[in-house]
Amino acid sequence: MTCPPEPAAFVTVAQLGNFTRAASLLNLSQPALTVRIRNLEESLGVRLFDRNTRTVSLTRIGRELVPALQRILRDLDAVVAQARDLAAQRHGIVRLAALPSFAAGVLPEIIAQFRETNPKISFVIHDVIASEVIAQVREEQVDLGLTGGRIVDPDFEVLHTTQDHMHVVYPVGHSFGDMEQVGVEALIRHPLILMHPPTSVRAVVDAAFLTASRLPVIAAEATYMSTAVGMVRAGLGAAIVPGSAMEVRAEQTLRSRPVDDQRFTREVSIIKKAERTLPASESFARDLIQALQTA
């Protein structure tokens, strides 16, 4: 039992009705046990046992205290056990803010694999744009963030960094399918569906066209990749989306291929608030890093 020594000693003596047996069970000398009981009585200001050389019995107040202290000690033991489980990463909640492309793409499979060996750990996932991922980690609404762009901020610890290359998604029969390469010059000749300006994907795409001194023909903008892909399906143009997005592979009537230009690449980082200990989340982060490295 892990609990304060005086209440534990009192309950043990009350249950056994004998100081000698209680001392043996608690691995104490009898004088040490007597001191613990005396300390408890002095702190409460009441006598808990009537005792002589042959017998020990609870006073009326002692009898009334037994159930309450037993309940407190059980609750305390449960809290200690839960804390040990958390420290051992057997229980817990992983709160994660992630870019939508990862939240709907590779993340569900990684979580499913993690829960095969950690079934008592649950997940709360916020699929949001990069700026909101950073805000939620900073404000400790979540434990981990999977965000786009380079992170240079003392508030955060960067656990891992990888690359996410942009793909162009187009209908079957589009001229992109016949090209050896689809680069900036090919892209500017066709109407494009781009992600909304506040997204990390749009920041990468805009910077790539700007660096190449080219202007794209923007047919439409979308906040969600599923919307952008729906616009491609409707014939509004070709979409530029990250390779991590499940929409790159999900549409049978569409095709996708990487943009043949390294400027169309975003940096993706796994971050947490600096100097925070998060056992369950850090355990998952290790699996997440391994999965991204493998991918």
Protein backbone atom coordinates (compact mmCIF):
# COMPACT_ATOMS: atom_id res chain seq x y z
CA MET A 1 0.00 0.00 0.00
CA THR A 2 1.33 3.45 -0.93
CA CYS A 3 -0.16 6.00 1.47
CA PRO A 4 0.70 8.26 4.46
CA PRO A 5 2.19 6.08 7.23
CA GLU A 6 0.01 7.14 10.19
CA PRO A 7 -3.44 6.52 8.63
CA ALA A 8 -2.18 3.25 7.09
CA ALA A 9 -0.85 2.13 10.47
CA PHE A 10 -4.14 3.01 12.18
CA VAL A 11 -6.25 1.09 9.64
CA THR A 12 -3.97 -1.95 9.84
CA VAL A 13 -4.16 -2.09 13.65
CA ALA A 14 -7.94 -1.55 13.52
CA GLN A 15 -8.36 -4.43 11.04
CA LEU A 16 -6.11 -6.87 12.92
CA GLY A 17 -6.92 -5.77 16.46
CA ASN A 18 -3.35 -6.44 17.49
CA PHE A 19 -0.24 -4.24 17.51
CA THR A 20 2.20 -7.16 17.20
CA ARG A 21 0.58 -8.63 14.09
CA ALA A 22 0.09 -5.15 12.57
CA ALA A 23 3.76 -4.27 13.13
CA SER A 24 4.83 -7.52 11.46
CA LEU A 25 2.55 -6.89 8.46
CA LEU A 26 3.85 -3.33 8.09
CA ASN A 27 7.46 -4.48 8.55
CA LEU A 28 7.86 -2.16 11.55
CA SER A 29 9.03 -2.63 15.09
CA GLN A 30 6.22 -2.45 17.63
CA PRO A 31 7.62 0.76 19.22
CA ALA A 32 7.76 2.42 15.77
CA LEU A 33 4.14 1.44 15.14
CA THR A 34 3.13 2.81 18.54
CA VAL A 35 4.81 6.13 17.68
CA ARG A 36 2.82 6.37 14.41
CA ILE A 37 -0.47 5.76 16.19
CA ARG A 38 0.44 8.28 18.88
CA ASN A 39 1.36 10.88 16.22
CA LEU A 40 -2.02 10.41 14.53
CA GLU A 41 -3.89 10.71 17.82
CA GLU A 42 -2.00 13.89 18.69
CA SER A 43 -2.63 15.44 15.28
CA LEU A 44 -6.37 14.67 15.55
CA GLY A 45 -6.59 15.55 19.20
CA VAL A 46 -8.53 12.36 20.03
CA ARG A 47 -7.80 8.91 21.41
CA LEU A 48 -8.32 6.18 18.79
CA PHE A 49 -7.59 3.02 20.79
CA ASP A 50 -8.23 1.81 24.33
CA ARG A 51 -5.38 -0.52 25.13
CA ASN A 52 -3.78 -2.35 28.03
CA THR A 53 -1.10 -5.01 28.28
CA ARG A 54 -3.40 -7.70 26.85
CA THR A 55 -5.99 -6.12 24.54
CA VAL A 56 -6.49 -3.24 22.13
CA SER A 57 -9.90 -1.95 21.03
CA LEU A 58 -11.16 0.99 19.03
CA THR A 59 -12.73 3.94 20.80
CA ARG A 60 -16.05 5.18 19.47
CA ILE A 61 -14.31 7.91 17.45
CA GLY A 62 -11.81 5.32 16.21
CA ARG A 63 -14.63 3.11 14.96
CA GLU A 64 -16.18 6.07 13.13
CA LEU A 65 -12.87 6.97 11.49
CA VAL A 66 -12.09 3.49 10.11
CA PRO A 67 -14.50 3.52 7.10
CA ALA A 68 -13.56 7.07 6.11
CA LEU A 69 -9.83 6.40 6.25
CA GLN A 70 -10.20 3.09 4.41
CA ARG A 71 -12.00 4.90 1.60
CA ILE A 72 -9.37 7.66 1.45
CA LEU A 73 -6.54 5.14 1.36
CA ARG A 74 -8.23 3.14 -1.42
CA ASP A 75 -8.71 6.32 -3.44
CA LEU A 76 -5.10 7.32 -2.86
CA ASP A 77 -3.85 3.90 -3.93
CA ALA A 78 -5.94 4.19 -7.10
CA VAL A 79 -4.44 7.62 -7.87
CA VAL A 80 -0.91 6.31 -7.31
CA ALA A 81 -1.60 3.29 -9.53
CA GLN A 82 -2.98 5.56 -12.25
CA ALA A 83 0.07 7.83 -12.01
CA ARG A 84 2.35 4.81 -12.37
CA ASP A 85 0.38 3.64 -15.41
CA LEU A 86 0.72 7.08 -16.96
CA ALA A 87 4.44 7.13 -16.25
CA ALA A 88 4.74 3.66 -17.79
CA GLN A 89 2.64 4.87 -20.77
CA ARG A 90 -0.04 2.21 -20.27
CA HIS A 91 -2.86 4.77 -19.95
CA GLY A 92 -3.40 8.30 -21.17
CA ILE A 93 -4.74 10.63 -23.83
CA VAL A 94 -2.72 11.87 -26.78
CA ARG A 95 -3.92 15.31 -27.90
CA LEU A 96 -2.59 16.15 -31.35
CA ALA A 97 -3.12 19.06 -33.74
CA ALA A 98 -2.20 18.08 -37.29
CA LEU A 99 -2.30 19.42 -40.82
CA PRO A 100 -5.47 18.13 -42.54
CA SER A 101 -3.49 16.26 -45.18
CA PHE A 102 -1.79 14.18 -42.48
CA ALA A 103 -4.83 13.96 -40.20
CA ALA A 104 -6.89 12.32 -42.94
CA GLY A 105 -3.99 10.63 -44.72
CA VAL A 106 -1.28 8.66 -42.92
CA LEU A 107 -2.23 9.50 -39.32
CA PRO A 108 -5.22 7.13 -38.86
CA GLU A 109 -3.14 4.10 -39.84
CA ILE A 110 -0.27 5.14 -37.54
CA ILE A 111 -2.72 5.56 -34.64
CA ALA A 112 -4.29 2.17 -35.35
CA GLN A 113 -0.89 0.47 -35.27
CA PHE A 114 0.06 2.26 -32.05
CA ARG A 115 -3.16 1.19 -30.32
CA GLU A 116 -2.50 -2.45 -31.12
CA THR A 117 0.17 -2.41 -28.42
CA ASN A 118 -1.28 0.49 -26.37
CA PRO A 119 -5.04 -0.20 -26.31
CA LYS A 120 -5.74 1.97 -23.24
CA ILE A 121 -4.35 5.15 -24.79
CA SER A 122 -6.97 7.29 -26.53
CA PHE A 123 -6.59 10.14 -29.02
CA VAL A 124 -8.01 13.61 -29.59
CA ILE A 125 -7.15 14.93 -33.06
CA HIS A 126 -7.59 18.53 -34.22
CA ASP A 127 -7.18 18.83 -38.00
CA VAL A 128 -6.29 22.48 -38.58
CA ILE A 129 -4.04 24.67 -40.71
CA ALA A 130 -0.40 25.25 -39.74
CA SER A 131 -0.88 28.55 -37.90
CA GLU A 132 -3.60 27.00 -35.73
CA VAL A 133 -1.43 23.95 -34.99
CA ILE A 134 1.27 26.28 -33.65
CA ALA A 135 -1.26 28.29 -31.62
CA GLN A 136 -2.77 25.18 -30.02
CA VAL A 137 0.63 23.77 -29.03
CA ARG A 138 1.70 27.16 -27.64
CA GLU A 139 -1.48 27.44 -25.57
CA GLU A 140 -1.18 23.76 -24.49
CA GLN A 141 -4.58 22.84 -25.91
CA VAL A 142 -2.74 19.86 -27.44
CA ASP A 143 0.42 17.94 -26.54
CA LEU A 144 1.88 17.51 -30.02
CA GLY A 145 1.67 19.39 -33.28
CA LEU A 146 2.26 18.19 -36.83
CA THR A 147 2.70 21.41 -38.76
CA GLY A 148 4.12 22.89 -41.94
CA GLY A 149 6.97 25.36 -42.31
CA ARG A 150 10.28 25.82 -40.52
CA ILE A 151 9.90 26.25 -36.74
CA VAL A 152 12.43 28.54 -35.07
CA ASP A 153 10.89 29.51 -31.75
CA PRO A 154 12.19 28.88 -28.19
CA ASP A 155 8.63 28.06 -27.08
CA PHE A 156 8.78 24.81 -29.07
CA GLU A 157 10.87 21.67 -29.20
CA VAL A 158 11.10 20.23 -32.72
CA LEU A 159 11.01 16.44 -32.38
CA HIS A 160 11.33 15.62 -36.09
CA THR A 161 11.39 17.30 -39.48
CA THR A 162 10.54 15.79 -42.86
CA GLN A 163 9.62 16.92 -46.38
CA ASP A 164 6.24 16.88 -48.12
CA HIS A 165 6.37 17.34 -51.90
CA MET A 166 3.50 18.89 -53.83
CA HIS A 167 1.53 16.88 -56.39
CA VAL A 168 -0.64 18.05 -59.25
CA VAL A 169 -4.03 16.30 -59.46
CA TYR A 170 -5.71 16.26 -62.88
CA PRO A 171 -8.43 14.35 -64.80
CA VAL A 172 -7.66 11.26 -66.84
CA GLY A 173 -6.77 12.40 -70.37
CA HIS A 174 -5.26 15.72 -69.29
CA SER A 175 -2.09 16.73 -71.12
CA PHE A 176 -0.16 16.53 -67.85
CA GLY A 177 -0.34 12.77 -68.21
CA ASP A 178 1.63 12.81 -71.46
CA MET A 179 4.46 15.05 -70.25
CA GLU A 180 7.85 13.76 -69.16
CA GLN A 181 7.90 16.44 -66.48
CA VAL A 182 5.34 18.80 -64.97
CA GLY A 183 7.18 21.89 -63.80
CA VAL A 184 6.43 25.58 -63.44
CA GLU A 185 6.24 26.23 -67.18
CA ALA A 186 3.66 23.48 -67.65
CA LEU A 187 1.61 24.58 -64.65
CA ILE A 188 1.25 28.21 -65.74
CA ARG A 189 -0.35 27.11 -69.04
CA HIS A 190 -3.38 25.60 -67.29
CA PRO A 191 -6.02 26.84 -64.84
CA LEU A 192 -5.19 25.75 -61.31
CA ILE A 193 -7.11 25.15 -58.11
CA LEU A 194 -4.98 26.31 -55.19
CA MET A 195 -5.43 26.03 -51.47
CA HIS A 196 -6.62 29.03 -49.45
CA PRO A 197 -3.86 31.66 -48.81
CA PRO A 198 -3.48 31.10 -45.00
CA THR A 199 -2.51 27.44 -45.51
CA SER A 200 1.09 26.19 -45.47
CA VAL A 201 0.49 24.52 -48.85
CA ARG A 202 -0.44 27.84 -50.46
CA ALA A 203 2.59 29.53 -48.91
CA VAL A 204 4.87 26.98 -50.57
CA VAL A 205 3.10 27.21 -53.94
CA ASP A 206 3.07 31.03 -53.97
CA ALA A 207 6.77 31.15 -53.03
CA ALA A 208 7.62 28.64 -55.77
CA PHE A 209 5.89 30.66 -58.51
CA LEU A 210 7.34 33.91 -57.17
CA THR A 211 10.88 32.52 -57.16
CA ALA A 212 10.37 31.33 -60.75
CA SER A 213 8.99 34.80 -61.71
CA ARG A 214 5.80 33.22 -63.00
CA LEU A 215 2.13 33.86 -62.28
CA PRO A 216 -0.33 30.94 -62.18
CA VAL A 217 -3.81 31.06 -63.64
CA ILE A 218 -5.98 30.60 -60.56
CA ALA A 219 -9.37 29.11 -61.41
CA ALA A 220 -10.48 28.63 -57.80
CA GLU A 221 -9.29 28.44 -54.20
CA ALA A 222 -10.35 25.93 -51.56
CA THR A 223 -9.81 25.51 -47.83
CA TYR A 224 -10.16 21.72 -47.86
CA MET A 225 -8.32 19.37 -50.19
CA SER A 226 -11.46 17.31 -50.76
CA THR A 227 -13.09 20.47 -52.13
CA ALA A 228 -10.12 21.17 -54.39
CA VAL A 229 -10.25 17.61 -55.73
CA GLY A 230 -14.00 17.93 -56.27
CA MET A 231 -13.33 21.00 -58.41
CA VAL A 232 -10.83 19.00 -60.47
CA ARG A 233 -13.47 16.30 -60.93
CA ALA A 234 -15.89 18.98 -62.18
CA GLY A 235 -13.37 20.12 -64.81
CA LEU A 236 -12.46 23.49 -63.28
CA GLY A 237 -8.74 22.87 -63.48
CA ALA A 238 -5.85 20.94 -61.93
CA ALA A 239 -5.14 21.13 -58.19
CA ILE A 240 -1.83 21.40 -56.39
CA VAL A 241 -1.99 19.47 -53.12
CA PRO A 242 0.61 17.88 -50.82
CA GLY A 243 1.73 14.34 -51.46
CA SER A 244 0.68 13.44 -47.91
CA ALA A 245 -3.00 14.06 -48.77
CA MET A 246 -5.12 10.94 -49.16
CA GLU A 247 -6.96 12.75 -51.98
CA VAL A 248 -3.87 12.20 -54.13
CA ARG A 249 -4.70 8.47 -54.22
CA ALA A 250 -8.42 8.27 -53.52
CA GLU A 251 -9.99 9.34 -56.83
CA GLN A 252 -10.19 6.64 -59.52
CA THR A 253 -11.16 9.13 -62.24
CA LEU A 254 -8.21 11.40 -61.48
CA ARG A 255 -4.47 11.09 -61.69
CA SER A 256 -1.66 12.70 -59.73
CA ARG A 257 2.07 13.11 -60.08
CA PRO A 258 4.76 15.07 -58.25
CA VAL A 259 5.55 18.57 -59.48
CA ASP A 260 9.04 18.33 -60.97
CA ASP A 261 10.48 21.24 -59.04
CA GLN A 262 12.04 21.06 -55.58
CA ARG A 263 10.64 24.48 -54.76
CA PHE A 264 7.23 22.80 -54.46
CA THR A 265 8.22 21.15 -51.18
CA ARG A 266 7.15 22.09 -47.67
CA GLU A 267 8.96 21.30 -44.47
CA VAL A 268 6.80 19.40 -41.98
CA SER A 269 7.66 19.27 -38.28
CA ILE A 270 6.47 17.40 -35.20
CA ILE A 271 6.58 19.84 -32.29
CA LYS A 272 5.74 20.07 -28.62
CA LYS A 273 5.85 22.84 -26.05
CA ALA A 274 9.40 23.21 -24.77
CA GLU A 275 10.22 21.73 -21.36
CA ARG A 276 6.99 19.73 -21.05
CA THR A 277 6.85 16.07 -19.99
CA LEU A 278 4.10 14.19 -21.82
CA PRO A 279 4.63 10.42 -21.37
CA ALA A 280 1.84 8.99 -23.56
CA SER A 281 2.23 11.64 -26.26
CA GLU A 282 6.00 11.29 -26.40
CA SER A 283 5.64 7.52 -26.75
CA PHE A 284 3.29 8.05 -29.70
CA ALA A 285 5.62 10.68 -31.14
CA ARG A 286 8.37 8.06 -31.38
CA ASP A 287 6.07 5.78 -33.41
CA LEU A 288 4.93 8.71 -35.55
CA ILE A 289 8.53 9.71 -36.31
CA GLN A 290 9.44 6.14 -37.24
CA ALA A 291 6.39 5.87 -39.55
CA LEU A 292 7.21 9.16 -41.30
CA GLN A 293 10.83 8.11 -41.75
CA THR A 294 9.69 4.82 -43.28
CA ALA A 295 7.20 6.56 -45.56
